[in-house]
Amino acid sequence: MDPLTLVMASALVAAVMGASMVLLYRAGSAYTYLLDWALAGAFFMVSSCIAVFVVKFHVGHVLLLACMNVLYIAGHCGILIGVRRHLGLRPRYDLLAVLAAAVFALHALPYTQAEVSHRLLLFTPIVAGVNLSVAWLLWRRSDADARSAYLPLIVLEACFMLQLSLRIVYIVFDNPTSMTFIGAEFLQTVGSLCVLLFLIIVTMCCALINTRQQEMALRHAALTDALTGWLNRRALNDIARREFRRCRRTATPLFLVAFDIDLFKSVNERYGRSVGDAALCHVAALSARVLHGYGTMFRTGGEEFAVLFADAALVDVHEAAQRVRDAVAVSPLLVRGHVVRMTVSVGVASSEPGDVEWEDSLRRAREALCHAKEHGRNRVSVHGMETRFWKRQPAAERVDA
């Protein structure tokens, strides 16, 4: 395949890349980074089309060369911008504009216009730096779950950067002054082939990252309570089972805190269900604020919540439970002109040597919660302390929660 055909193929593949990212976006992904990658594909496509035009019609005007190189570098920057947006960082199109202006201005230098090898020496380090930034960001920001999706793009960027570095070494030591714009020289042919392969593989890598993002979003939705944003009962089962087994191996206690809103039924009856939902969100937000960094938080159903503590001491867990109780008691909900005052009752329990499953701890935490409700509400009860000499009343005799 001659170099011109390779460049034409690159233009086609770049167009496919851009169209694929737009279709993924419109198909329901709705992730803005897909549009960044679509724009990158458009930059590569226009750059390759300019290259085809220059070779086909033997037009080597410096403005065309400048536009071609600026768009090619912008294509690599577009991939970096999409990665940054995907990772929750600022896209930084402002830096792209500054870089594009600088590259365009460099074409006014006689040195840049003199030889193809001079332009390669000037602009290849820029592209390699962008490749390095993509690989470094993905590696530094990825966790164990996401790394499998990021690894192909990391490897691709690293390999592309390596071949660019090898080409620079070849130019520096062999000093090829007879290079043409897109000629049949080995260096040029290899470069065009590498760009073509890069565009093919980067399209697949971007699609893989998007697929992984959707998968993680679906998993998050399946394990998260839609109203409060806390983890749900299914997540509690998965996490508590894993932590229970680990605590058994390490001979450390596992603590569960169960709490719910006192007399929540009256809130719904007096103010309506929408205010009841706002009350749940209010309590969840207050609790999350005081529990941040301490335990894993769950909404287990209705107005009931649970917090799991591993590798903690009873005194710390009890203090955290008291902070939750205090925060709710002193922070009424203000909604629709109403002041809704609420309290919570809290039960604390730890795992015991004879436990078979983690649910044993949850059962004891709920028993402590019932003890707190039947002894005045708005209090914290610890199973095995306050509940030791307490016998639950029959259901017909218990105070309504």
Protein backbone atom coordinates (compact mmCIF):
# COMPACT_ATOMS: atom_id res chain seq x y z
CA MET A 1 0.00 0.00 0.00
CA ASP A 2 1.55 3.31 -1.09
CA PRO A 3 1.74 6.25 1.35
CA LEU A 4 -1.01 8.25 -0.39
CA THR A 5 -3.42 5.35 -0.07
CA LEU A 6 -2.53 5.04 3.59
CA VAL A 7 -3.38 8.70 4.15
CA MET A 8 -6.68 8.31 2.31
CA ALA A 9 -7.48 5.28 4.43
CA SER A 10 -6.62 7.29 7.56
CA ALA A 11 -9.12 9.97 6.51
CA LEU A 12 -11.81 7.31 6.10
CA VAL A 13 -11.03 5.66 9.44
CA ALA A 14 -11.01 9.05 11.18
CA ALA A 15 -14.44 9.77 9.71
CA VAL A 16 -15.66 6.42 11.03
CA MET A 17 -14.23 7.28 14.45
CA GLY A 18 -16.05 10.60 14.57
CA ALA A 19 -19.32 9.10 13.35
CA SER A 20 -19.07 6.20 15.81
CA MET A 21 -18.64 8.52 18.78
CA VAL A 22 -21.60 10.66 17.68
CA LEU A 23 -23.78 7.57 17.24
CA LEU A 24 -22.81 6.27 20.68
CA TYR A 25 -23.73 9.64 22.15
CA ARG A 26 -27.09 9.76 20.38
CA ALA A 27 -27.82 6.12 21.18
CA GLY A 28 -28.33 7.02 24.81
CA SER A 29 -24.88 7.20 26.36
CA ALA A 30 -25.14 11.01 26.62
CA TYR A 31 -21.57 11.26 27.92
CA THR A 32 -20.06 14.54 26.71
CA TYR A 33 -16.59 13.03 26.36
CA LEU A 34 -17.92 11.10 23.35
CA LEU A 35 -18.38 14.43 21.57
CA ASP A 36 -14.78 15.34 22.42
CA TRP A 37 -13.63 12.11 20.79
CA ALA A 38 -15.95 12.74 17.83
CA LEU A 39 -14.31 16.13 17.41
CA ALA A 40 -10.90 14.46 17.59
CA GLY A 41 -11.96 12.15 14.76
CA ALA A 42 -13.07 15.19 12.75
CA PHE A 43 -9.69 16.87 13.32
CA PHE A 44 -7.84 13.76 12.10
CA MET A 45 -10.14 13.43 9.08
CA VAL A 46 -9.72 17.04 7.92
CA SER A 47 -5.95 16.84 8.47
CA SER A 48 -5.73 13.71 6.34
CA CYS A 49 -7.95 15.24 3.65
CA ILE A 50 -5.63 18.24 3.45
CA ALA A 51 -2.66 15.87 3.12
CA VAL A 52 -4.40 14.04 0.25
CA PHE A 53 -5.16 17.36 -1.46
CA VAL A 54 -1.56 18.58 -1.12
CA VAL A 55 -0.11 15.40 -2.60
CA LYS A 56 -2.72 14.92 -5.30
CA PHE A 57 -2.48 18.45 -6.68
CA HIS A 58 1.15 19.15 -5.69
CA VAL A 59 0.20 22.19 -3.63
CA GLY A 60 2.71 22.77 -0.85
CA HIS A 61 1.62 26.16 0.42
CA VAL A 62 2.76 26.81 3.98
CA LEU A 63 -0.79 27.65 5.13
CA LEU A 64 -2.03 24.23 4.07
CA LEU A 65 0.86 22.55 5.83
CA ALA A 66 0.20 24.61 8.95
CA CYS A 67 -3.50 23.73 8.97
CA MET A 68 -2.74 20.07 8.43
CA ASN A 69 -0.26 19.89 11.32
CA VAL A 70 -2.44 21.95 13.66
CA LEU A 71 -5.45 19.68 13.02
CA TYR A 72 -3.37 16.54 13.45
CA ILE A 73 -2.06 17.72 16.83
CA ALA A 74 -5.59 18.89 17.73
CA GLY A 75 -6.83 15.36 17.05
CA HIS A 76 -4.46 13.92 19.63
CA CYS A 77 -5.40 16.72 22.03
CA GLY A 78 -9.07 15.89 21.46
CA ILE A 79 -8.45 12.39 22.76
CA LEU A 80 -6.71 13.86 25.81
CA ILE A 81 -9.58 16.31 26.39
CA GLY A 82 -12.12 13.47 26.22
CA VAL A 83 -10.10 11.46 28.71
CA ARG A 84 -9.91 14.44 31.06
CA ARG A 85 -13.67 14.99 30.88
CA HIS A 86 -14.28 11.26 31.41
CA LEU A 87 -12.15 11.39 34.56
CA GLY A 88 -14.01 14.44 35.88
CA LEU A 89 -11.26 16.95 35.09
CA ARG A 90 -11.52 20.27 33.23
CA PRO A 91 -11.41 19.66 29.44
CA ARG A 92 -9.01 22.60 28.88
CA TYR A 93 -9.94 23.59 25.34
CA ASP A 94 -8.24 26.88 26.20
CA LEU A 95 -4.86 25.13 26.30
CA LEU A 96 -5.66 23.46 22.97
CA ALA A 97 -6.32 26.88 21.44
CA VAL A 98 -3.00 28.22 22.75
CA LEU A 99 -1.12 25.15 21.49
CA ALA A 100 -2.80 25.35 18.08
CA ALA A 101 -1.89 29.03 17.75
CA ALA A 102 1.72 28.30 18.70
CA VAL A 103 2.04 25.43 16.20
CA PHE A 104 0.49 27.56 13.47
CA ALA A 105 2.89 30.42 14.23
CA LEU A 106 5.93 28.12 14.09
CA HIS A 107 5.22 27.50 10.40
CA ALA A 108 6.26 31.08 9.68
CA LEU A 109 9.85 30.22 10.61
CA PRO A 110 12.23 29.52 7.70
CA TYR A 111 13.56 26.51 9.63
CA THR A 112 10.07 24.95 9.73
CA GLN A 113 9.45 25.54 6.03
CA ALA A 114 12.86 24.26 4.89
CA GLU A 115 12.58 20.50 5.43
CA VAL A 116 10.01 17.85 6.30
CA SER A 117 12.48 16.50 8.84
CA HIS A 118 12.57 19.90 10.56
CA ARG A 119 8.80 19.87 11.03
CA LEU A 120 8.98 16.34 12.40
CA LEU A 121 11.66 17.39 14.88
CA LEU A 122 9.53 20.32 16.04
CA PHE A 123 6.08 18.76 16.28
CA THR A 124 6.69 15.10 17.09
CA PRO A 125 7.68 15.85 20.73
CA ILE A 126 4.39 17.72 21.15
CA VAL A 127 2.37 14.72 19.96
CA ALA A 128 4.45 12.38 22.11
CA GLY A 129 3.81 14.61 25.12
CA VAL A 130 0.05 14.45 24.53
CA ASN A 131 0.25 10.65 24.23
CA LEU A 132 2.19 10.48 27.48
CA SER A 133 -0.41 12.68 29.21
CA VAL A 134 -3.26 10.39 28.14
CA ALA A 135 -1.48 7.26 29.34
CA TRP A 136 -0.38 8.86 32.61
CA LEU A 137 -3.82 10.25 33.45
CA LEU A 138 -5.57 6.95 32.81
CA TRP A 139 -3.01 4.99 34.82
CA ARG A 140 -2.93 7.42 37.73
CA ARG A 141 -6.70 7.91 37.99
CA SER A 142 -7.87 4.35 37.37
CA ASP A 143 -8.91 1.91 40.06
CA ALA A 144 -8.86 -1.87 39.82
CA ASP A 145 -12.33 -2.03 38.28
CA ALA A 146 -11.69 0.56 35.57
CA ARG A 147 -8.10 -0.35 34.69
CA SER A 148 -9.11 -3.29 32.49
CA ALA A 149 -11.02 -0.86 30.25
CA TYR A 150 -8.27 1.79 30.31
CA LEU A 151 -5.34 -0.56 29.71
CA PRO A 152 -5.76 -0.92 25.89
CA LEU A 153 -5.70 2.85 25.41
CA ILE A 154 -2.77 3.21 27.81
CA VAL A 155 -0.79 0.61 25.84
CA LEU A 156 -1.78 2.17 22.51
CA GLU A 157 -0.70 5.66 23.55
CA ALA A 158 2.55 4.32 24.95
CA CYS A 159 3.33 2.36 21.76
CA PHE A 160 2.51 5.33 19.54
CA MET A 161 4.73 7.54 21.67
CA LEU A 162 7.52 4.95 21.41
CA GLN A 163 7.41 4.80 17.63
CA LEU A 164 7.43 8.61 17.48
CA SER A 165 10.52 8.64 19.68
CA LEU A 166 12.25 6.06 17.48
CA ARG A 167 11.51 8.14 14.39
CA ILE A 168 13.05 11.21 16.06
CA VAL A 169 16.18 9.20 16.93
CA TYR A 170 16.41 8.05 13.31
CA ILE A 171 16.12 11.62 12.02
CA VAL A 172 18.68 12.98 14.47
CA PHE A 173 21.34 10.35 13.80
CA ASP A 174 20.76 9.61 10.09
CA ASN A 175 19.87 13.22 9.16
CA PRO A 176 17.67 12.37 6.13
CA THR A 177 17.52 15.66 4.19
CA SER A 178 15.83 14.15 1.11
CA MET A 179 12.49 13.43 2.77
CA THR A 180 9.44 14.58 0.80
CA PHE A 181 6.03 15.54 2.19
CA ILE A 182 4.49 12.08 1.76
CA GLY A 183 7.03 10.03 -0.10
CA ALA A 184 7.91 6.37 -0.42
CA GLU A 185 10.67 6.65 2.17
CA PHE A 186 10.62 3.95 4.77
CA LEU A 187 10.26 6.49 7.59
CA GLN A 188 7.26 8.17 5.98
CA THR A 189 5.54 4.90 5.10
CA VAL A 190 5.94 3.56 8.62
CA GLY A 191 4.61 6.82 10.04
CA SER A 192 1.51 6.76 7.83
CA LEU A 193 0.86 3.11 8.68
CA CYS A 194 1.20 3.81 12.40
CA VAL A 195 -1.30 6.67 12.18
CA LEU A 196 -3.77 4.42 10.36
CA LEU A 197 -3.43 1.66 12.95
CA PHE A 198 -3.64 4.22 15.75
CA LEU A 199 -6.95 5.57 14.46
CA ILE A 200 -8.43 2.08 14.08
CA ILE A 201 -7.43 0.95 17.55
CA VAL A 202 -8.19 4.22 19.34
CA THR A 203 -11.77 4.04 18.07
CA MET A 204 -12.16 0.61 19.64
CA CYS A 205 -10.48 1.79 22.86
CA CYS A 206 -12.82 4.76 23.20
CA ALA A 207 -15.84 2.54 22.58
CA LEU A 208 -14.55 0.11 25.23
CA ILE A 209 -14.20 2.89 27.80
CA ASN A 210 -17.73 4.08 27.04
CA THR A 211 -19.10 0.54 27.39
CA ARG A 212 -17.34 0.18 30.73
CA GLN A 213 -18.72 3.53 31.87
CA GLN A 214 -22.27 2.42 31.04
CA GLU A 215 -21.72 -0.89 32.81
CA MET A 216 -20.50 0.88 35.94
CA ALA A 217 -23.44 3.30 35.80
CA LEU A 218 -25.88 0.38 35.61
CA ARG A 219 -24.12 -1.35 38.49
CA HIS A 220 -24.23 1.84 40.52
CA ALA A 221 -27.96 2.21 39.81
CA ALA A 222 -28.57 -1.39 40.84
CA LEU A 223 -26.78 -0.90 44.16
CA THR A 224 -27.90 2.64 45.00
CA ASP A 225 -31.13 3.95 46.47
CA ALA A 226 -32.52 6.38 43.92
CA LEU A 227 -34.06 8.72 46.50
CA THR A 228 -31.23 9.25 48.99
CA GLY A 229 -28.16 8.23 47.01
CA TRP A 230 -27.15 5.77 49.74
CA LEU A 231 -26.37 2.16 48.94
CA ASN A 232 -29.36 -0.18 49.01
CA ARG A 233 -30.22 -3.47 50.68
CA ARG A 234 -28.63 -5.50 47.89
CA ALA A 235 -25.36 -3.64 48.31
CA LEU A 236 -25.52 -4.17 52.06
CA ASN A 237 -25.81 -7.90 51.54
CA ASP A 238 -22.79 -8.00 49.21
CA ILE A 239 -20.53 -5.71 51.25
CA ALA A 240 -21.49 -7.02 54.69
CA ARG A 241 -20.95 -10.63 53.62
CA ARG A 242 -17.46 -9.79 52.37
CA GLU A 243 -16.56 -7.75 55.45
CA PHE A 244 -17.97 -10.42 57.79
CA ARG A 245 -15.70 -13.07 56.29
CA ARG A 246 -12.70 -10.75 56.48
CA CYS A 247 -13.39 -9.87 60.10
CA ARG A 248 -13.70 -13.56 60.96
CA ARG A 249 -10.26 -14.19 59.44
CA THR A 250 -8.65 -11.26 61.25
CA ALA A 251 -10.55 -11.79 64.53
CA THR A 252 -11.82 -8.20 64.53
CA PRO A 253 -15.39 -7.07 65.28
CA LEU A 254 -17.89 -5.96 62.67
CA PHE A 255 -20.31 -3.27 63.84
CA LEU A 256 -23.72 -2.51 62.42
CA VAL A 257 -25.73 0.58 63.29
CA ALA A 258 -29.45 0.60 62.47
CA PHE A 259 -31.54 3.76 62.80
CA ASP A 260 -34.83 5.11 61.55
CA ILE A 261 -36.95 8.25 61.80
CA ASP A 262 -39.21 8.37 64.82
CA LEU A 263 -42.94 8.59 64.06
CA PHE A 264 -42.23 8.87 60.35
CA LYS A 265 -45.72 7.71 59.48
CA SER A 266 -47.12 10.89 61.03
CA VAL A 267 -44.87 13.01 58.81
CA ASN A 268 -46.34 11.40 55.69
CA GLU A 269 -49.89 11.71 57.01
CA ARG A 270 -49.56 15.36 58.05
CA TYR A 271 -47.47 16.83 55.23
CA GLY A 272 -47.84 14.40 52.34
CA ARG A 273 -45.64 11.86 50.68
CA SER A 274 -43.45 14.39 48.87
CA VAL A 275 -42.48 15.99 52.18
CA GLY A 276 -41.88 12.51 53.54
CA ASP A 277 -39.44 11.88 50.71
CA ALA A 278 -37.77 15.21 51.43
CA ALA A 279 -37.49 14.18 55.08
CA LEU A 280 -35.74 10.95 54.12
CA CYS A 281 -33.28 12.86 51.94
CA HIS A 282 -32.74 15.40 54.71
CA VAL A 283 -31.91 12.76 57.31
CA ALA A 284 -29.68 10.91 54.84
CA ALA A 285 -27.77 14.09 53.97
CA LEU A 286 -27.27 15.04 57.64
CA SER A 287 -26.11 11.54 58.52
CA ALA A 288 -23.75 11.34 55.56
CA ARG A 289 -22.18 14.63 56.62
CA VAL A 290 -21.33 13.43 60.13
CA LEU A 291 -20.44 9.88 59.05
CA HIS A 292 -18.20 10.83 56.14
CA GLY A 293 -15.09 8.66 56.24
CA TYR A 294 -16.31 6.49 59.13
CA GLY A 295 -18.63 3.79 57.81
CA THR A 296 -20.46 2.49 54.74
CA MET A 297 -24.03 3.82 54.59
CA PHE A 298 -27.16 2.02 53.39
CA ARG A 299 -30.88 2.64 53.15
CA THR A 300 -32.42 -0.71 53.99
CA GLY A 301 -36.04 0.19 53.26
CA GLY A 302 -38.72 2.72 54.16
CA GLU A 303 -37.38 5.09 56.81
CA GLU A 304 -34.72 2.66 58.04
CA PHE A 305 -31.00 3.09 57.48
CA ALA A 306 -27.92 1.08 58.38
CA VAL A 307 -24.22 1.86 58.68
CA LEU A 308 -21.49 -0.77 58.59
CA PHE A 309 -18.24 -0.24 60.51
CA ALA A 310 -15.21 -2.49 60.04
CA ASP A 311 -11.93 -2.21 61.95
CA ALA A 312 -13.51 0.13 64.50
CA ALA A 313 -13.84 0.29 68.28
CA LEU A 314 -17.17 0.33 70.10
CA VAL A 315 -16.50 3.75 71.58
CA ASP A 316 -15.96 5.23 68.11
CA VAL A 317 -19.06 3.56 66.68
CA HIS A 318 -21.16 4.75 69.62
CA GLU A 319 -19.83 8.29 69.20
CA ALA A 320 -20.69 8.23 65.48
CA ALA A 321 -24.21 7.03 66.29
CA GLN A 322 -24.63 9.85 68.80
CA ARG A 323 -23.50 12.39 66.21
CA VAL A 324 -26.18 11.15 63.83
CA ARG A 325 -28.83 11.43 66.53
CA ASP A 326 -27.68 14.92 67.53
CA ALA A 327 -27.47 16.20 63.94
CA VAL A 328 -31.04 15.17 63.14
CA ALA A 329 -32.43 16.47 66.42
CA VAL A 330 -31.01 19.99 66.01
CA SER A 331 -31.56 20.38 62.24
CA PRO A 332 -35.26 20.53 61.33
CA LEU A 333 -36.36 20.24 57.71
CA LEU A 334 -37.63 23.48 56.15
CA VAL A 335 -39.90 22.73 53.20
CA ARG A 336 -42.89 24.56 51.69
CA GLY A 337 -43.08 26.91 54.61
CA HIS A 338 -43.22 24.06 57.10
CA VAL A 339 -40.72 23.34 59.85
CA VAL A 340 -40.58 19.55 60.21
CA ARG A 341 -38.76 18.52 63.37
CA MET A 342 -37.55 14.95 63.48
CA THR A 343 -35.57 12.61 65.67
CA VAL A 344 -34.03 9.21 65.09
CA SER A 345 -33.62 6.15 67.26
CA VAL A 346 -30.39 4.23 66.86
CA GLY A 347 -29.35 0.68 67.61
CA VAL A 348 -25.72 -0.50 67.74
CA ALA A 349 -24.50 -4.10 67.65
CA SER A 350 -21.30 -5.96 66.91
CA SER A 351 -20.54 -9.39 65.55
CA GLU A 352 -20.04 -12.20 68.05
CA PRO A 353 -17.88 -15.34 67.93
CA GLY A 354 -20.89 -17.60 67.47
CA ASP A 355 -22.32 -15.68 64.49
CA VAL A 356 -22.91 -17.73 61.36
CA GLU A 357 -23.79 -14.84 59.02
CA TRP A 358 -23.56 -11.07 59.10
CA GLU A 359 -27.36 -10.89 59.41
CA ASP A 360 -26.95 -11.94 63.07
CA SER A 361 -25.35 -8.57 63.77
CA LEU A 362 -28.08 -6.73 61.87
CA ARG A 363 -30.75 -8.58 63.86
CA ARG A 364 -29.14 -7.49 67.13
CA ALA A 365 -28.80 -3.90 65.87
CA ARG A 366 -32.53 -3.88 65.11
CA GLU A 367 -33.27 -5.27 68.55
CA ALA A 368 -31.27 -2.40 70.02
CA LEU A 369 -33.18 0.00 67.76
CA CYS A 370 -36.48 -1.35 69.10
CA HIS A 371 -35.15 -0.92 72.64
CA ALA A 372 -34.35 2.73 71.90
CA LYS A 373 -37.86 3.33 70.55
CA GLU A 374 -39.61 1.65 73.47
CA HIS A 375 -37.54 3.62 75.96
CA GLY A 376 -38.32 7.12 74.80
CA ARG A 377 -37.01 7.41 71.21
CA ASN A 378 -34.35 9.93 70.13
CA ARG A 379 -31.65 7.86 71.80
CA VAL A 380 -28.86 5.36 71.05
CA SER A 381 -29.02 1.82 72.43
CA VAL A 382 -26.15 -0.65 72.34
CA HIS A 383 -27.03 -4.32 72.16
CA GLY A 384 -25.63 -6.25 75.11
CA MET A 385 -25.62 -3.20 77.37
CA GLU A 386 -29.01 -1.44 77.50
CA THR A 387 -30.76 -4.49 76.05
CA ARG A 388 -29.28 -7.10 78.37
CA PHE A 389 -32.14 -7.08 80.88
CA TRP A 390 -34.82 -5.91 78.47
CA LYS A 391 -37.44 -8.21 77.07
CA ARG A 392 -39.30 -7.08 73.98
CA GLN A 393 -43.00 -6.57 74.51
CA PRO A 394 -45.47 -8.42 72.32
CA ALA A 395 -46.22 -6.62 69.07
CA ALA A 396 -49.69 -5.54 70.28
CA GLU A 397 -48.19 -3.86 73.36
CA ARG A 398 -45.23 -2.08 71.80
CA VAL A 399 -45.31 1.67 71.25
CA ASP A 400 -45.92 2.57 67.61
CA ALA A 401 -42.64 3.55 65.94
